[in-house]
């Protein structure tokens, strides 16, 4: 399953880890040097939320937390369904 927000379209981004060695000049060293750069991916913080869609349908969607905080989704109302009583014979 793709890690994409269904509302904002946020998706994983490319980045890198930069490995440094040495002591910073501010801390009394001669400066840091980059020894390696490794590729990595930054994933969006996706949550599976039960939401009420504009069509009136209630279903689970994968949404980023920033979309939830912005109020882009309306959470589904709680069900008030009760179990039917058993029929006595």
PDB file of N, CA and C in Angstrom:
ATOM      1  N   UNK A   1       0.846  -1.178   0.000  1.00  0.00           N
ATOM      2  CA  UNK A   1       0.000   0.000   0.000  1.00  0.00           C
ATOM      3  C   UNK A   1       0.893   1.242   0.000  1.00  0.00           C
ATOM      4  N   UNK A   2       0.584   2.195  -0.858  1.00  0.00           N
ATOM      5  CA  UNK A   2       1.387   3.405  -0.963  1.00  0.00           C
ATOM      6  C   UNK A   2       1.203   4.273   0.276  1.00  0.00           C
ATOM      7  N   UNK A   3       2.290   4.878   0.718  1.00  0.00           N
ATOM      8  CA  UNK A   3       2.243   5.741   1.900  1.00  0.00           C
ATOM      9  C   UNK A   3       1.912   7.163   1.454  1.00  0.00           C
ATOM     10  N   UNK A   4       0.676   7.370   1.010  1.00  0.00           N
ATOM     11  CA  UNK A   4       0.241   8.671   0.501  1.00  0.00           C
ATOM     12  C   UNK A   4      -1.014   9.098   1.240  1.00  0.00           C
ATOM     13  N   UNK A   5      -1.053  10.366   1.665  1.00  0.00           N
ATOM     14  CA  UNK A   5      -2.234  10.911   2.333  1.00  0.00           C
ATOM     15  C   UNK A   5      -3.337  11.073   1.288  1.00  0.00           C
ATOM     16  N   UNK A   6      -4.542  10.602   1.618  1.00  0.00           N
ATOM     17  CA  UNK A   6      -5.640  10.643   0.649  1.00  0.00           C
ATOM     18  C   UNK A   6      -6.218  12.043   0.476  1.00  0.00           C
ATOM     19  N   UNK A   7      -5.927  12.963   1.403  1.00  0.00           N
ATOM     20  CA  UNK A   7      -6.460  14.319   1.292  1.00  0.00           C
ATOM     21  C   UNK A   7      -5.424  15.311   0.769  1.00  0.00           C
ATOM     22  N   UNK A   8      -4.250  15.331   1.379  1.00  0.00           N
ATOM     23  CA  UNK A   8      -3.250  16.329   1.000  1.00  0.00           C
ATOM     24  C   UNK A   8      -2.299  15.844  -0.080  1.00  0.00           C
ATOM     25  N   UNK A   9      -2.205  14.521  -0.285  1.00  0.00           N
ATOM     26  CA  UNK A   9      -1.301  13.988  -1.288  1.00  0.00           C
ATOM     27  C   UNK A   9       0.143  13.916  -0.820  1.00  0.00           C
ATOM     28  N   UNK A  10       0.352  14.077   0.496  1.00  0.00           N
ATOM     29  CA  UNK A  10       1.716  13.969   1.021  1.00  0.00           C
ATOM     30  C   UNK A  10       2.240  12.566   0.759  1.00  0.00           C
ATOM     31  N   UNK A  11       3.515  12.484   0.399  1.00  0.00           N
ATOM     32  CA  UNK A  11       4.135  11.211   0.100  1.00  0.00           C
ATOM     33  C   UNK A  11       5.553  11.212   0.642  1.00  0.00           C
ATOM     34  N   UNK A  12       6.234  10.064   0.656  1.00  0.00           N
ATOM     35  CA  UNK A  12       7.607  10.039   1.159  1.00  0.00           C
ATOM     36  C   UNK A  12       8.517  10.971   0.366  1.00  0.00           C
ATOM     37  N   UNK A  13       9.464  11.589   1.091  1.00  0.00           N
ATOM     38  CA  UNK A  13      10.425  12.492   0.465  1.00  0.00           C
ATOM     39  C   UNK A  13      11.819  11.891   0.562  1.00  0.00           C
ATOM     40  N   UNK A  14      12.679  12.266  -0.368  1.00  0.00           N
ATOM     41  CA  UNK A  14      14.060  11.800  -0.333  1.00  0.00           C
ATOM     42  C   UNK A  14      14.899  12.746   0.510  1.00  0.00           C
ATOM     43  N   UNK A  15      15.907  12.185   1.133  1.00  0.00           N
ATOM     44  CA  UNK A  15      16.828  12.980   1.918  1.00  0.00           C
ATOM     45  C   UNK A  15      18.108  12.207   2.099  1.00  0.00           C
ATOM     46  N   UNK A  16      18.922  12.652   3.046  1.00  0.00           N
ATOM     47  CA  UNK A  16      20.167  11.946   3.286  1.00  0.00           C
ATOM     48  C   UNK A  16      20.589  12.094   4.731  1.00  0.00           C
ATOM     49  N   UNK A  17      21.348  11.098   5.192  1.00  0.00           N
ATOM     50  CA  UNK A  17      21.984  11.144   6.498  1.00  0.00           C
ATOM     51  C   UNK A  17      23.419  11.571   6.236  1.00  0.00           C
ATOM     52  N   UNK A  18      23.883  12.593   6.927  1.00  0.00           N
ATOM     53  CA  UNK A  18      25.251  13.070   6.740  1.00  0.00           C
ATOM     54  C   UNK A  18      26.065  12.670   7.966  1.00  0.00           C
ATOM     55  N   UNK A  19      27.077  11.843   7.757  1.00  0.00           N
ATOM     56  CA  UNK A  19      27.960  11.400   8.832  1.00  0.00           C
ATOM     57  C   UNK A  19      29.110  12.385   8.941  1.00  0.00           C
ATOM     58  N   UNK A  20      29.349  12.878  10.142  1.00  0.00           N
ATOM     59  CA  UNK A  20      30.428  13.833  10.355  1.00  0.00           C
ATOM     60  C   UNK A  20      31.400  13.297  11.398  1.00  0.00           C
ATOM     61  N   UNK A  21      32.656  13.661  11.262  1.00  0.00           N
ATOM     62  CA  UNK A  21      33.643  13.308  12.277  1.00  0.00           C
ATOM     63  C   UNK A  21      34.415  14.564  12.640  1.00  0.00           C
ATOM     64  N   UNK A  22      34.977  14.570  13.809  1.00  0.00           N
ATOM     65  CA  UNK A  22      35.737  15.723  14.266  1.00  0.00           C
ATOM     66  C   UNK A  22      34.974  16.510  15.304  1.00  0.00           C
ATOM     67  N   UNK A  23      35.662  17.454  15.900  1.00  0.00           N
ATOM     68  CA  UNK A  23      35.066  18.275  16.951  1.00  0.00           C
ATOM     69  C   UNK A  23      34.782  19.668  16.383  1.00  0.00           C
ATOM     70  N   UNK A  24      33.567  20.208  16.620  1.00  0.00           N
ATOM     71  CA  UNK A  24      33.250  21.542  16.098  1.00  0.00           C
ATOM     72  C   UNK A  24      34.204  22.615  16.626  1.00  0.00           C
ATOM     73  N   UNK A  25      34.416  23.652  15.817  1.00  0.00           N
ATOM     74  CA  UNK A  25      35.320  24.737  16.210  1.00  0.00           C
ATOM     75  C   UNK A  25      34.816  25.442  17.469  1.00  0.00           C
ATOM     76  N   UNK A  26      33.471  25.559  17.602  1.00  0.00           N
ATOM     77  CA  UNK A  26      32.909  26.233  18.779  1.00  0.00           C
ATOM     78  C   UNK A  26      33.234  25.482  20.065  1.00  0.00           C
ATOM     79  N   UNK A  27      33.474  24.179  19.937  1.00  0.00           N
ATOM     80  CA  UNK A  27      33.777  23.376  21.116  1.00  0.00           C
ATOM     81  C   UNK A  27      35.291  23.158  21.288  1.00  0.00           C
ATOM     82  N   UNK A  28      36.091  23.910  20.534  1.00  0.00           N
ATOM     83  CA  UNK A  28      37.540  23.841  20.712  1.00  0.00           C
ATOM     84  C   UNK A  28      38.259  22.914  19.762  1.00  0.00           C
ATOM     85  N   UNK A  29      37.573  22.396  18.748  1.00  0.00           N
ATOM     86  CA  UNK A  29      38.207  21.495  17.796  1.00  0.00           C
ATOM     87  C   UNK A  29      38.700  22.222  16.567  1.00  0.00           C
ATOM     88  N   UNK A  30      39.093  21.443  15.555  1.00  0.00           N
ATOM     89  CA  UNK A  30      39.562  22.045  14.304  1.00  0.00           C
ATOM     90  C   UNK A  30      38.479  22.018  13.228  1.00  0.00           C
ATOM     91  N   UNK A  31      37.259  21.608  13.600  1.00  0.00           N
ATOM     92  CA  UNK A  31      36.156  21.590  12.655  1.00  0.00           C
ATOM     93  C   UNK A  31      35.736  20.182  12.300  1.00  0.00           C
ATOM     94  N   UNK A  32      34.493  20.033  11.861  1.00  0.00           N
ATOM     95  CA  UNK A  32      33.978  18.717  11.486  1.00  0.00           C
ATOM     96  C   UNK A  32      34.140  18.511   9.986  1.00  0.00           C
ATOM     97  N   UNK A  33      34.215  17.246   9.598  1.00  0.00           N
ATOM     98  CA  UNK A  33      34.333  16.887   8.183  1.00  0.00           C
ATOM     99  C   UNK A  33      33.303  15.816   7.865  1.00  0.00           C
ATOM    100  N   UNK A  34      32.727  15.901   6.678  1.00  0.00           N
ATOM    101  CA  UNK A  34      31.749  14.900   6.243  1.00  0.00           C
ATOM    102  C   UNK A  34      32.507  13.663   5.779  1.00  0.00           C
ATOM    103  N   UNK A  35      32.135  12.500   6.347  1.00  0.00           N
ATOM    104  CA  UNK A  35      32.811  11.259   5.962  1.00  0.00           C
ATOM    105  C   UNK A  35      31.942  10.384   5.069  1.00  0.00           C
ATOM    106  N   UNK A  36      30.621  10.529   5.157  1.00  0.00           N
ATOM    107  CA  UNK A  36      29.740   9.710   4.312  1.00  0.00           C
ATOM    108  C   UNK A  36      28.376  10.367   4.220  1.00  0.00           C
ATOM    109  N   UNK A  37      27.719  10.139   3.108  1.00  0.00           N
ATOM    110  CA  UNK A  37      26.341  10.593   2.914  1.00  0.00           C
ATOM    111  C   UNK A  37      25.544   9.380   2.460  1.00  0.00           C
ATOM    112  N   UNK A  38      24.498   9.044   3.226  1.00  0.00           N
ATOM    113  CA  UNK A  38      23.674   7.892   2.927  1.00  0.00           C
ATOM    114  C   UNK A  38      22.265   8.356   2.593  1.00  0.00           C
ATOM    115  N   UNK A  39      21.674   7.793   1.550  1.00  0.00           N
ATOM    116  CA  UNK A  39      20.311   8.167   1.167  1.00  0.00           C
ATOM    117  C   UNK A  39      19.302   7.584   2.149  1.00  0.00           C
ATOM    118  N   UNK A  40      18.219   8.309   2.369  1.00  0.00           N
ATOM    119  CA  UNK A  40      17.140   7.823   3.223  1.00  0.00           C
ATOM    120  C   UNK A  40      15.826   8.423   2.754  1.00  0.00           C
ATOM    121  N   UNK A  41      14.719   7.983   3.370  1.00  0.00           N
ATOM    122  CA  UNK A  41      13.401   8.500   3.011  1.00  0.00           C
ATOM    123  C   UNK A  41      12.714   9.022   4.254  1.00  0.00           C
ATOM    124  N   UNK A  42      12.011  10.134   4.117  1.00  0.00           N
ATOM    125  CA  UNK A  42      11.208  10.703   5.190  1.00  0.00           C
ATOM    126  C   UNK A  42       9.751  10.363   4.883  1.00  0.00           C
ATOM    127  N   UNK A  43       9.096   9.620   5.798  1.00  0.00           N
ATOM    128  CA  UNK A  43       7.719   9.211   5.577  1.00  0.00           C
ATOM    129  C   UNK A  43       6.745  10.165   6.262  1.00  0.00           C
ATOM    130  N   UNK A  44       5.596  10.434   5.644  1.00  0.00           N
ATOM    131  CA  UNK A  44       4.585  11.263   6.319  1.00  0.00           C
ATOM    132  C   UNK A  44       3.962  10.486   7.480  1.00  0.00           C
ATOM    133  N   UNK A  45       3.498  11.206   8.481  1.00  0.00           N
ATOM    134  CA  UNK A  45       2.882  10.577   9.647  1.00  0.00           C
ATOM    135  C   UNK A  45       1.418  10.291   9.309  1.00  0.00           C
ATOM    136  N   UNK A  46       1.160   9.095   8.768  1.00  0.00           N
ATOM    137  CA  UNK A  46      -0.188   8.727   8.342  1.00  0.00           C
ATOM    138  C   UNK A  46      -0.922   7.973   9.435  1.00  0.00           C
ATOM    139  N   UNK A  47      -2.196   8.273   9.566  1.00  0.00           N
ATOM    140  CA  UNK A  47      -3.052   7.598  10.535  1.00  0.00           C
ATOM    141  C   UNK A  47      -4.271   7.054   9.795  1.00  0.00           C
ATOM    142  N   UNK A  48      -4.761   5.918  10.258  1.00  0.00           N
ATOM    143  CA  UNK A  48      -5.965   5.314   9.666  1.00  0.00           C
ATOM    144  C   UNK A  48      -7.154   5.825  10.467  1.00  0.00           C
ATOM    145  N   UNK A  49      -8.010   6.631   9.826  1.00  0.00           N
ATOM    146  CA  UNK A  49      -9.093   7.316  10.514  1.00  0.00           C
ATOM    147  C   UNK A  49     -10.430   6.970   9.861  1.00  0.00           C
ATOM    148  N   UNK A  50     -11.430   6.740  10.695  1.00  0.00           N
ATOM    149  CA  UNK A  50     -12.779   6.503  10.190  1.00  0.00           C
ATOM    150  C   UNK A  50     -13.415   7.873   9.945  1.00  0.00           C
ATOM    151  N   UNK A  51     -13.673   8.196   8.692  1.00  0.00           N
ATOM    152  CA  UNK A  51     -14.113   9.540   8.339  1.00  0.00           C
ATOM    153  C   UNK A  51     -15.422   9.519   7.561  1.00  0.00           C
ATOM    154  N   UNK A  52     -16.112  10.646   7.650  1.00  0.00           N
ATOM    155  CA  UNK A  52     -17.348  10.852   6.901  1.00  0.00           C
ATOM    156  C   UNK A  52     -16.975  11.589   5.627  1.00  0.00           C
ATOM    157  N   UNK A  53     -17.174  10.940   4.478  1.00  0.00           N
ATOM    158  CA  UNK A  53     -16.812  11.535   3.198  1.00  0.00           C
ATOM    159  C   UNK A  53     -17.903  12.492   2.722  1.00  0.00           C
ATOM    160  N   UNK A  54     -17.579  13.396   1.794  1.00  0.00           N
ATOM    161  CA  UNK A  54     -18.593  14.337   1.281  1.00  0.00           C
ATOM    162  C   UNK A  54     -19.802  13.639   0.655  1.00  0.00           C
ATOM    163  N   UNK A  55     -19.614  12.416   0.154  1.00  0.00           N
ATOM    164  CA  UNK A  55     -20.721  11.679  -0.449  1.00  0.00           C
ATOM    165  C   UNK A  55     -21.664  11.098   0.611  1.00  0.00           C
ATOM    166  N   UNK A  56     -21.281  11.209   1.888  1.00  0.00           N
ATOM    167  CA  UNK A  56     -22.102  10.663   2.968  1.00  0.00           C
ATOM    168  C   UNK A  56     -21.662   9.278   3.399  1.00  0.00           C
ATOM    169  N   UNK A  57     -20.678   8.737   2.719  1.00  0.00           N
ATOM    170  CA  UNK A  57     -20.171   7.396   3.025  1.00  0.00           C
ATOM    171  C   UNK A  57     -19.190   7.473   4.199  1.00  0.00           C
ATOM    172  N   UNK A  58     -19.221   6.453   5.051  1.00  0.00           N
ATOM    173  CA  UNK A  58     -18.288   6.363   6.168  1.00  0.00           C
ATOM    174  C   UNK A  58     -17.314   5.240   5.859  1.00  0.00           C
ATOM    175  N   UNK A  59     -16.006   5.579   5.837  1.00  0.00           N
ATOM    176  CA  UNK A  59     -14.999   4.550   5.599  1.00  0.00           C
ATOM    177  C   UNK A  59     -13.666   4.978   6.200  1.00  0.00           C
ATOM    178  N   UNK A  60     -12.761   4.007   6.284  1.00  0.00           N
ATOM    179  CA  UNK A  60     -11.435   4.287   6.794  1.00  0.00           C
ATOM    180  C   UNK A  60     -10.580   4.893   5.685  1.00  0.00           C
ATOM    181  N   UNK A  61      -9.863   5.970   6.008  1.00  0.00           N
ATOM    182  CA  UNK A  61      -8.936   6.566   5.051  1.00  0.00           C
ATOM    183  C   UNK A  61      -7.601   6.799   5.754  1.00  0.00           C
ATOM    184  N   UNK A  62      -6.536   6.831   4.958  1.00  0.00           N
ATOM    185  CA  UNK A  62      -5.207   7.104   5.503  1.00  0.00           C
ATOM    186  C   UNK A  62      -4.915   8.579   5.320  1.00  0.00           C
ATOM    187  N   UNK A  63      -4.783   9.275   6.443  1.00  0.00           N
ATOM    188  CA  UNK A  63      -4.655  10.732   6.417  1.00  0.00           C
ATOM    189  C   UNK A  63      -3.439  11.143   7.243  1.00  0.00           C
ATOM    190  N   UNK A  64      -2.745  12.182   6.793  1.00  0.00           N
ATOM    191  CA  UNK A  64      -1.613  12.693   7.553  1.00  0.00           C
ATOM    192  C   UNK A  64      -2.125  13.437   8.784  1.00  0.00           C
ATOM    193  N   UNK A  65      -1.298  13.477   9.822  1.00  0.00           N
ATOM    194  CA  UNK A  65      -1.717  14.132  11.064  1.00  0.00           C
ATOM    195  C   UNK A  65      -1.900  15.628  10.870  1.00  0.00           C
ATOM    196  N   UNK A  66      -1.158  16.220   9.954  1.00  0.00           N
ATOM    197  CA  UNK A  66      -1.324  17.654   9.703  1.00  0.00           C
ATOM    198  C   UNK A  66      -2.709  17.936   9.121  1.00  0.00           C
ATOM    199  N   UNK A  67      -3.241  17.018   8.303  1.00  0.00           N
ATOM    200  CA  UNK A  67      -4.591  17.183   7.743  1.00  0.00           C
ATOM    201  C   UNK A  67      -5.644  17.062   8.838  1.00  0.00           C
ATOM    202  N   UNK A  68      -5.391  16.168   9.813  1.00  0.00           N
ATOM    203  CA  UNK A  68      -6.336  16.010  10.927  1.00  0.00           C
ATOM    204  C   UNK A  68      -6.333  17.278  11.772  1.00  0.00           C
ATOM    205  N   UNK A  69      -5.141  17.824  12.047  1.00  0.00           N
ATOM    206  CA  UNK A  69      -5.028  19.036  12.862  1.00  0.00           C
ATOM    207  C   UNK A  69      -5.663  20.242  12.176  1.00  0.00           C
ATOM    208  N   UNK A  70      -5.561  20.304  10.843  1.00  0.00           N
ATOM    209  CA  UNK A  70      -6.155  21.412  10.094  1.00  0.00           C
ATOM    210  C   UNK A  70      -7.667  21.315  10.025  1.00  0.00           C
ATOM    211  N   UNK A  71      -8.221  20.148  10.363  1.00  0.00           N
ATOM    212  CA  UNK A  71      -9.665  19.965  10.324  1.00  0.00           C
ATOM    213  C   UNK A  71     -10.184  19.638   8.933  1.00  0.00           C
ATOM    214  N   UNK A  72      -9.353  19.018   8.098  1.00  0.00           N
ATOM    215  CA  UNK A  72      -9.766  18.686   6.735  1.00  0.00           C
ATOM    216  C   UNK A  72     -10.699  17.485   6.692  1.00  0.00           C
ATOM    217  N   UNK A  73     -10.772  16.720   7.783  1.00  0.00           N
ATOM    218  CA  UNK A  73     -11.679  15.575   7.800  1.00  0.00           C
ATOM    219  C   UNK A  73     -12.733  15.780   8.872  1.00  0.00           C
ATOM    220  N   UNK A  74     -13.888  15.141   8.659  1.00  0.00           N
ATOM    221  CA  UNK A  74     -14.913  15.101   9.705  1.00  0.00           C
ATOM    222  C   UNK A  74     -14.999  13.655  10.146  1.00  0.00           C
ATOM    223  N   UNK A  75     -14.761  13.438  11.429  1.00  0.00           N
ATOM    224  CA  UNK A  75     -14.770  12.078  11.948  1.00  0.00           C
ATOM    225  C   UNK A  75     -16.186  11.527  11.911  1.00  0.00           C
ATOM    226  N   UNK A  76     -16.292  10.239  11.715  1.00  0.00           N
ATOM    227  CA  UNK A  76     -17.593   9.577  11.628  1.00  0.00           C
ATOM    228  C   UNK A  76     -18.271   9.598  12.991  1.00  0.00           C
ATOM    229  N   UNK A  77     -19.608   9.756  13.022  1.00  0.00           N
ATOM    230  CA  UNK A  77     -20.303   9.727  14.306  1.00  0.00           C
ATOM    231  C   UNK A  77     -20.281   8.327  14.909  1.00  0.00           C
ATOM    232  N   UNK A  78     -20.384   8.264  16.228  1.00  0.00           N
ATOM    233  CA  UNK A  78     -20.400   6.975  16.923  1.00  0.00           C
ATOM    234  C   UNK A  78     -21.686   6.237  16.573  1.00  0.00           C
ATOM    235  N   UNK A  79     -21.569   4.912  16.444  1.00  0.00           N
ATOM    236  CA  UNK A  79     -22.756   4.107  16.156  1.00  0.00           C
ATOM    237  C   UNK A  79     -23.572   3.954  17.433  1.00  0.00           C
ATOM    238  N   UNK A  80     -24.885   4.033  17.313  1.00  0.00           N
ATOM    239  CA  UNK A  80     -25.748   3.793  18.476  1.00  0.00           C
ATOM    240  C   UNK A  80     -26.583   2.534  18.251  1.00  0.00           C
ATOM    241  N   UNK A  81     -25.976   1.586  17.561  1.00  0.00           N
ATOM    242  CA  UNK A  81     -26.615   0.327  17.233  1.00  0.00           C
ATOM    243  C   UNK A  81     -26.621  -0.565  18.462  1.00  0.00           C
ATOM    244  N   UNK A  82     -27.755  -1.218  18.717  1.00  0.00           N
ATOM    245  CA  UNK A  82     -27.838  -2.171  19.837  1.00  0.00           C
ATOM    246  C   UNK A  82     -28.189  -3.534  19.296  1.00  0.00           C
ATOM    247  N   UNK A  83     -27.759  -4.547  20.009  1.00  0.00           N
ATOM    248  CA  UNK A  83     -27.994  -5.918  19.592  1.00  0.00           C
ATOM    249  C   UNK A  83     -29.480  -6.242  19.747  1.00  0.00           C
ATOM    250  N   UNK A  84     -30.119  -6.815  18.706  1.00  0.00           N
ATOM    251  CA  UNK A  84     -31.543  -7.166  18.849  1.00  0.00           C
ATOM    252  C   UNK A  84     -31.709  -8.293  19.867  1.00  0.00           C
ATOM    253  N   UNK A  85     -32.808  -8.218  20.609  1.00  0.00           N
ATOM    254  CA  UNK A  85     -33.040  -9.233  21.641  1.00  0.00           C
ATOM    255  C   UNK A  85     -33.394 -10.574  21.008  1.00  0.00           C
ATOM    256  N   UNK A  86     -32.991 -11.643  21.680  1.00  0.00           N
ATOM    257  CA  UNK A  86     -33.238 -12.982  21.171  1.00  0.00           C
ATOM    258  C   UNK A  86     -34.742 -13.299  21.213  1.00  0.00           C
ATOM    259  N   UNK A  87     -35.228 -13.991  20.199  1.00  0.00           N
ATOM    260  CA  UNK A  87     -36.645 -14.339  20.112  1.00  0.00           C
ATOM    261  C   UNK A  87     -36.885 -15.576  20.967  1.00  0.00           C
ATOM    262  N   UNK A  88     -37.895 -15.513  21.879  1.00  0.00           N
ATOM    263  CA  UNK A  88     -38.201 -16.651  22.745  1.00  0.00           C
ATOM    264  C   UNK A  88     -39.232 -17.531  22.060  1.00  0.00           C
ATOM    265  N   UNK A  89     -39.008 -18.839  22.120  1.00  0.00           N
ATOM    266  CA  UNK A  89     -39.926 -19.795  21.478  1.00  0.00           C
ATOM    267  C   UNK A  89     -40.730 -20.536  22.500  1.00  0.00           C
TER     268      UNK A  89
END
